[in-house]
Amino acid sequence: HLQQEMASLMENIEHLESSKRKLSGEDLGSCTTEELLELEQQLERSISSIRTRKIQVFRQHVEQLKEKGTALAVENAMLRNKLSLQQERGSNKEKATVPSADISEVSDVETDLFIGPPETSRKRAL
């Protein structure tokens, strides 16, 4: 019983390997016209299935990219608003720290510049 099962499995393996070679385009010399037509139809179904899956994957990828683009646009708008607010605050601070003309006139002080040793400057001042 075990030998029959093993022989059956070996035969099945050989058949699968033969089918694989034929699908790969190898060992086609012994194929009849009907077998070649059947292989062609099988390959066309496989290609159709592969293309369908590829299109599905591309569509999913496009959707993910659209979602990412939308999220980036929202983030960009938030950052622009934040920058605008910071620029407004900065210009308000500059206006607050710039002294008026009246204050600058009061704080103007005349100074004399003297270059030389300190003793000379004292004698000169006396």
N, C-alpha and C. Protein backbone atom coordinates (compact mmCIF):
# COMPACT_ATOMS: atom_id res chain seq x y z
N HIS A 1 0.83 -1.19 0.00
CA HIS A 1 0.00 0.00 0.00
C HIS A 1 0.87 1.26 0.00
N LEU A 2 1.91 1.29 0.82
CA LEU A 2 2.80 2.43 0.93
C LEU A 2 3.56 2.65 -0.38
N GLN A 3 3.95 1.55 -1.03
CA GLN A 3 4.68 1.67 -2.31
C GLN A 3 3.78 2.24 -3.39
N GLN A 4 2.51 1.86 -3.39
CA GLN A 4 1.57 2.39 -4.40
C GLN A 4 1.37 3.89 -4.20
N GLU A 5 1.25 4.29 -2.96
CA GLU A 5 1.07 5.71 -2.66
C GLU A 5 2.31 6.50 -3.07
N MET A 6 3.49 5.93 -2.79
CA MET A 6 4.73 6.58 -3.16
C MET A 6 4.86 6.68 -4.68
N ALA A 7 4.51 5.63 -5.39
CA ALA A 7 4.57 5.64 -6.86
C ALA A 7 3.60 6.68 -7.41
N SER A 8 2.43 6.77 -6.82
CA SER A 8 1.43 7.74 -7.25
C SER A 8 1.93 9.17 -7.03
N LEU A 9 2.55 9.41 -5.88
CA LEU A 9 3.10 10.73 -5.59
C LEU A 9 4.24 11.08 -6.55
N MET A 10 5.10 10.12 -6.86
CA MET A 10 6.20 10.35 -7.80
C MET A 10 5.65 10.70 -9.19
N GLU A 11 4.61 9.99 -9.60
CA GLU A 11 3.98 10.25 -10.90
C GLU A 11 3.37 11.65 -10.91
N ASN A 12 2.74 12.01 -9.82
CA ASN A 12 2.14 13.34 -9.70
C ASN A 12 3.21 14.43 -9.75
N ILE A 13 4.33 14.21 -9.08
CA ILE A 13 5.44 15.17 -9.10
C ILE A 13 5.98 15.33 -10.51
N GLU A 14 6.16 14.21 -11.22
CA GLU A 14 6.66 14.26 -12.60
C GLU A 14 5.69 15.03 -13.49
N HIS A 15 4.40 14.80 -13.32
CA HIS A 15 3.38 15.51 -14.11
C HIS A 15 3.43 17.02 -13.82
N LEU A 16 3.57 17.39 -12.55
CA LEU A 16 3.64 18.81 -12.18
C LEU A 16 4.90 19.47 -12.74
N GLU A 17 6.02 18.76 -12.70
CA GLU A 17 7.26 19.30 -13.25
C GLU A 17 7.15 19.47 -14.76
N SER A 18 6.51 18.51 -15.43
CA SER A 18 6.30 18.60 -16.87
C SER A 18 5.41 19.80 -17.20
N SER A 19 4.35 19.99 -16.43
CA SER A 19 3.45 21.13 -16.64
C SER A 19 4.19 22.45 -16.43
N LYS A 20 5.02 22.48 -15.42
CA LYS A 20 5.80 23.68 -15.12
C LYS A 20 6.73 24.01 -16.28
N ARG A 21 7.41 22.99 -16.81
CA ARG A 21 8.32 23.22 -17.95
C ARG A 21 7.54 23.73 -19.15
N LYS A 22 6.38 23.15 -19.41
CA LYS A 22 5.57 23.58 -20.56
C LYS A 22 5.09 25.02 -20.37
N LEU A 23 4.67 25.36 -19.16
CA LEU A 23 4.23 26.74 -18.90
C LEU A 23 5.39 27.72 -19.03
N SER A 24 6.60 27.24 -18.80
CA SER A 24 7.80 28.07 -18.95
C SER A 24 8.26 28.13 -20.40
N GLY A 25 7.61 27.37 -21.27
CA GLY A 25 7.98 27.36 -22.68
C GLY A 25 9.02 26.32 -23.03
N GLU A 26 9.31 25.40 -22.12
CA GLU A 26 10.29 24.34 -22.36
C GLU A 26 9.55 23.05 -22.71
N ASP A 27 10.23 22.16 -23.41
CA ASP A 27 9.69 20.83 -23.77
C ASP A 27 8.34 20.91 -24.47
N LEU A 28 8.20 21.83 -25.42
CA LEU A 28 6.94 21.97 -26.15
C LEU A 28 6.91 21.10 -27.42
N GLY A 29 8.04 20.50 -27.76
CA GLY A 29 8.13 19.71 -28.99
C GLY A 29 7.17 18.54 -29.02
N SER A 30 6.89 17.95 -27.89
CA SER A 30 6.02 16.77 -27.85
C SER A 30 4.54 17.13 -27.70
N CYS A 31 4.20 18.42 -27.63
CA CYS A 31 2.81 18.85 -27.41
C CYS A 31 2.02 18.80 -28.71
N THR A 32 0.78 18.38 -28.58
CA THR A 32 -0.14 18.40 -29.72
C THR A 32 -0.71 19.81 -29.86
N THR A 33 -1.42 20.03 -30.96
CA THR A 33 -2.03 21.34 -31.19
C THR A 33 -3.03 21.67 -30.09
N GLU A 34 -3.80 20.68 -29.69
CA GLU A 34 -4.79 20.90 -28.62
C GLU A 34 -4.10 21.27 -27.30
N GLU A 35 -3.01 20.59 -26.99
CA GLU A 35 -2.28 20.89 -25.75
C GLU A 35 -1.70 22.31 -25.80
N LEU A 36 -1.19 22.69 -26.98
CA LEU A 36 -0.65 24.04 -27.11
C LEU A 36 -1.74 25.10 -26.94
N LEU A 37 -2.91 24.85 -27.53
CA LEU A 37 -4.03 25.78 -27.37
C LEU A 37 -4.46 25.88 -25.91
N GLU A 38 -4.48 24.74 -25.24
CA GLU A 38 -4.85 24.71 -23.82
C GLU A 38 -3.83 25.48 -22.98
N LEU A 39 -2.55 25.29 -23.29
CA LEU A 39 -1.49 26.04 -22.58
C LEU A 39 -1.64 27.54 -22.81
N GLU A 40 -1.92 27.90 -24.06
CA GLU A 40 -2.08 29.32 -24.39
C GLU A 40 -3.25 29.93 -23.61
N GLN A 41 -4.37 29.23 -23.56
CA GLN A 41 -5.54 29.72 -22.82
C GLN A 41 -5.23 29.83 -21.33
N GLN A 42 -4.53 28.86 -20.81
CA GLN A 42 -4.17 28.88 -19.40
C GLN A 42 -3.26 30.07 -19.10
N LEU A 43 -2.29 30.30 -19.98
CA LEU A 43 -1.39 31.44 -19.80
C LEU A 43 -2.14 32.77 -19.90
N GLU A 44 -3.09 32.86 -20.84
CA GLU A 44 -3.87 34.09 -20.98
C GLU A 44 -4.72 34.35 -19.73
N ARG A 45 -5.29 33.29 -19.15
CA ARG A 45 -6.05 33.45 -17.91
C ARG A 45 -5.13 33.91 -16.78
N SER A 46 -3.93 33.33 -16.74
CA SER A 46 -2.96 33.72 -15.71
C SER A 46 -2.56 35.18 -15.87
N ILE A 47 -2.29 35.58 -17.10
CA ILE A 47 -1.91 36.97 -17.37
C ILE A 47 -3.04 37.92 -16.99
N SER A 48 -4.26 37.54 -17.32
CA SER A 48 -5.42 38.36 -16.97
C SER A 48 -5.54 38.51 -15.46
N SER A 49 -5.35 37.43 -14.75
CA SER A 49 -5.41 37.46 -13.29
C SER A 49 -4.30 38.33 -12.72
N ILE A 50 -3.11 38.21 -13.28
CA ILE A 50 -1.97 39.01 -12.83
C ILE A 50 -2.22 40.50 -13.08
N ARG A 51 -2.74 40.82 -14.26
CA ARG A 51 -3.01 42.23 -14.59
C ARG A 51 -4.09 42.81 -13.69
N THR A 52 -5.11 42.01 -13.40
CA THR A 52 -6.17 42.46 -12.51
C THR A 52 -5.60 42.79 -11.13
N ARG A 53 -4.78 41.92 -10.63
CA ARG A 53 -4.16 42.13 -9.31
C ARG A 53 -3.24 43.35 -9.34
N LYS A 54 -2.48 43.49 -10.42
CA LYS A 54 -1.56 44.63 -10.56
C LYS A 54 -2.35 45.95 -10.55
N ILE A 55 -3.44 45.99 -11.28
CA ILE A 55 -4.28 47.20 -11.32
C ILE A 55 -4.83 47.50 -9.93
N GLN A 56 -5.27 46.46 -9.23
CA GLN A 56 -5.79 46.63 -7.88
C GLN A 56 -4.72 47.21 -6.95
N VAL A 57 -3.51 46.69 -7.04
CA VAL A 57 -2.41 47.18 -6.20
C VAL A 57 -2.09 48.64 -6.55
N PHE A 58 -2.05 48.97 -7.85
CA PHE A 58 -1.78 50.34 -8.27
C PHE A 58 -2.86 51.29 -7.75
N ARG A 59 -4.12 50.88 -7.84
CA ARG A 59 -5.21 51.74 -7.36
C ARG A 59 -5.10 51.98 -5.86
N GLN A 60 -4.76 50.92 -5.12
CA GLN A 60 -4.58 51.08 -3.67
C GLN A 60 -3.43 52.05 -3.38
N HIS A 61 -2.37 51.92 -4.16
CA HIS A 61 -1.21 52.80 -3.97
C HIS A 61 -1.59 54.25 -4.29
N VAL A 62 -2.35 54.45 -5.36
CA VAL A 62 -2.78 55.80 -5.74
C VAL A 62 -3.65 56.39 -4.63
N GLU A 63 -4.55 55.60 -4.07
CA GLU A 63 -5.40 56.07 -2.97
C GLU A 63 -4.56 56.46 -1.76
N GLN A 64 -3.57 55.64 -1.44
CA GLN A 64 -2.69 55.96 -0.31
C GLN A 64 -1.94 57.27 -0.57
N LEU A 65 -1.48 57.44 -1.81
CA LEU A 65 -0.76 58.67 -2.14
C LEU A 65 -1.68 59.89 -2.08
N LYS A 66 -2.93 59.73 -2.52
CA LYS A 66 -3.90 60.83 -2.43
C LYS A 66 -4.14 61.21 -0.97
N GLU A 67 -4.31 60.20 -0.12
CA GLU A 67 -4.52 60.45 1.31
C GLU A 67 -3.31 61.16 1.91
N LYS A 68 -2.14 60.71 1.53
CA LYS A 68 -0.91 61.34 2.03
C LYS A 68 -0.81 62.78 1.53
N GLY A 69 -1.17 63.00 0.26
CA GLY A 69 -1.15 64.36 -0.30
C GLY A 69 -2.12 65.27 0.43
N THR A 70 -3.31 64.76 0.74
CA THR A 70 -4.30 65.55 1.48
C THR A 70 -3.78 65.88 2.87
N ALA A 71 -3.20 64.89 3.54
CA ALA A 71 -2.65 65.12 4.88
C ALA A 71 -1.53 66.15 4.83
N LEU A 72 -0.68 66.08 3.81
CA LEU A 72 0.42 67.04 3.68
C LEU A 72 -0.11 68.44 3.38
N ALA A 73 -1.18 68.53 2.58
CA ALA A 73 -1.77 69.84 2.29
C ALA A 73 -2.34 70.46 3.56
N VAL A 74 -2.99 69.65 4.38
CA VAL A 74 -3.53 70.15 5.66
C VAL A 74 -2.40 70.61 6.56
N GLU A 75 -1.35 69.80 6.66
CA GLU A 75 -0.21 70.16 7.49
C GLU A 75 0.45 71.44 6.98
N ASN A 76 0.56 71.56 5.66
CA ASN A 76 1.16 72.75 5.05
C ASN A 76 0.34 73.99 5.40
N ALA A 77 -0.99 73.89 5.32
CA ALA A 77 -1.85 75.02 5.66
C ALA A 77 -1.68 75.42 7.13
N MET A 78 -1.60 74.42 8.01
CA MET A 78 -1.41 74.70 9.43
C MET A 78 -0.07 75.40 9.67
N LEU A 79 0.97 74.93 9.00
CA LEU A 79 2.29 75.54 9.16
C LEU A 79 2.32 76.97 8.62
N ARG A 80 1.62 77.20 7.51
CA ARG A 80 1.55 78.56 6.96
C ARG A 80 0.85 79.50 7.95
N ASN A 81 -0.25 79.02 8.54
CA ASN A 81 -0.96 79.83 9.54
C ASN A 81 -0.07 80.12 10.74
N LYS A 82 0.65 79.10 11.19
CA LYS A 82 1.54 79.26 12.34
C LYS A 82 2.63 80.28 12.02
N LEU A 83 3.21 80.19 10.83
CA LEU A 83 4.25 81.13 10.41
C LEU A 83 3.68 82.55 10.33
N SER A 84 2.50 82.67 9.78
CA SER A 84 1.86 83.98 9.67
C SER A 84 1.64 84.60 11.04
N LEU A 85 1.16 83.79 11.99
CA LEU A 85 0.95 84.29 13.36
C LEU A 85 2.27 84.70 13.99
N GLN A 86 3.31 83.92 13.80
CA GLN A 86 4.62 84.25 14.36
C GLN A 86 5.16 85.55 13.76
N GLN A 87 4.95 85.73 12.46
CA GLN A 87 5.42 86.95 11.81
C GLN A 87 4.65 88.17 12.33
N GLU A 88 3.33 87.99 12.54
CA GLU A 88 2.53 89.09 13.09
C GLU A 88 3.00 89.44 14.50
N ARG A 89 3.24 88.45 15.32
CA ARG A 89 3.72 88.69 16.69
C ARG A 89 5.08 89.37 16.67
N GLY A 90 5.94 88.92 15.76
CA GLY A 90 7.27 89.52 15.65
C GLY A 90 7.20 90.97 15.24
N SER A 91 6.33 91.32 14.31
CA SER A 91 6.21 92.71 13.88
C SER A 91 5.59 93.56 14.98
N ASN A 92 4.67 92.98 15.77
CA ASN A 92 4.09 93.72 16.90
C ASN A 92 5.14 93.97 17.97
N LYS A 93 6.01 93.03 18.24
CA LYS A 93 7.08 93.20 19.22
C LYS A 93 8.06 94.27 18.76
N GLU A 94 8.38 94.28 17.46
CA GLU A 94 9.30 95.28 16.93
C GLU A 94 8.71 96.68 17.10
N LYS A 95 7.42 96.81 16.86
CA LYS A 95 6.76 98.11 17.01
C LYS A 95 6.81 98.54 18.47
N ALA A 96 6.65 97.60 19.38
CA ALA A 96 6.63 97.93 20.81
C ALA A 96 8.03 98.29 21.31
N THR A 97 9.07 97.74 20.75
CA THR A 97 10.43 97.98 21.24
C THR A 97 11.12 99.16 20.56
N VAL A 98 10.58 99.68 19.47
CA VAL A 98 11.19 100.82 18.79
C VAL A 98 10.87 102.07 19.59
N PRO A 99 11.89 102.83 20.06
CA PRO A 99 11.62 104.03 20.86
C PRO A 99 11.05 105.14 19.99
N SER A 100 10.25 105.97 20.61
CA SER A 100 9.68 107.09 19.87
C SER A 100 10.74 108.17 19.71
N ALA A 101 10.49 109.15 18.88
CA ALA A 101 11.45 110.22 18.62
C ALA A 101 11.67 111.08 19.86
N ASP A 102 10.62 111.28 20.67
CA ASP A 102 10.74 112.10 21.87
C ASP A 102 11.71 111.47 22.86
N ILE A 103 11.60 110.19 23.06
CA ILE A 103 12.46 109.49 24.02
C ILE A 103 13.91 109.53 23.55
N SER A 104 14.14 109.36 22.28
CA SER A 104 15.51 109.34 21.79
C SER A 104 16.16 110.71 21.93
N GLU A 105 15.40 111.81 21.86
CA GLU A 105 15.97 113.13 22.03
C GLU A 105 16.41 113.35 23.47
N VAL A 106 15.65 112.85 24.41
CA VAL A 106 15.97 113.01 25.82
C VAL A 106 17.21 112.22 26.17
N SER A 107 17.38 111.08 25.57
CA SER A 107 18.50 110.24 25.93
C SER A 107 19.78 110.58 25.19
N ASP A 108 19.73 111.58 24.29
CA ASP A 108 20.95 111.96 23.59
C ASP A 108 21.90 112.64 24.58
N VAL A 109 23.14 112.20 24.60
CA VAL A 109 24.15 112.74 25.50
C VAL A 109 25.38 113.06 24.68
N GLU A 110 25.97 114.23 24.94
CA GLU A 110 27.19 114.58 24.26
C GLU A 110 28.36 114.07 25.05
N THR A 111 29.31 113.49 24.39
CA THR A 111 30.50 112.98 25.06
C THR A 111 31.72 113.45 24.32
N ASP A 112 32.78 113.69 25.08
CA ASP A 112 34.07 114.04 24.48
C ASP A 112 34.94 112.81 24.52
N LEU A 113 35.65 112.60 23.46
CA LEU A 113 36.55 111.46 23.40
C LEU A 113 37.96 111.98 23.60
N PHE A 114 38.65 111.39 24.57
CA PHE A 114 40.02 111.77 24.81
C PHE A 114 40.87 110.51 24.76
N ILE A 115 41.94 110.58 23.99
CA ILE A 115 42.83 109.44 23.87
C ILE A 115 44.14 109.81 24.53
N GLY A 116 44.54 109.00 25.49
CA GLY A 116 45.78 109.25 26.19
C GLY A 116 45.75 108.61 27.55
N PRO A 117 46.84 108.75 28.33
CA PRO A 117 46.87 108.15 29.67
C PRO A 117 45.85 108.84 30.57
N PRO A 118 45.39 108.13 31.60
CA PRO A 118 44.36 108.68 32.49
C PRO A 118 44.79 109.95 33.21
N GLU A 119 46.08 110.06 33.58
CA GLU A 119 46.53 111.24 34.30
C GLU A 119 46.35 112.49 33.45
N THR A 120 46.64 112.38 32.20
CA THR A 120 46.54 113.52 31.31
C THR A 120 45.10 113.98 31.22
N SER A 121 44.19 113.03 31.21
CA SER A 121 42.78 113.40 31.10
C SER A 121 42.31 114.09 32.37
N ARG A 122 42.88 113.74 33.55
CA ARG A 122 42.51 114.39 34.81
C ARG A 122 43.03 115.83 34.85
N LYS A 123 44.28 115.99 34.43
CA LYS A 123 44.87 117.33 34.43
C LYS A 123 44.09 118.24 33.50
N ARG A 124 43.72 117.71 32.40
CA ARG A 124 43.00 118.48 31.40
C ARG A 124 41.63 118.88 31.93
N ALA A 125 41.01 117.96 32.66
CA ALA A 125 39.69 118.25 33.20
C ALA A 125 39.75 119.30 34.30
N LEU A 126 40.90 119.39 35.02
CA LEU A 126 41.04 120.34 36.12
C LEU A 126 41.38 121.66 35.57
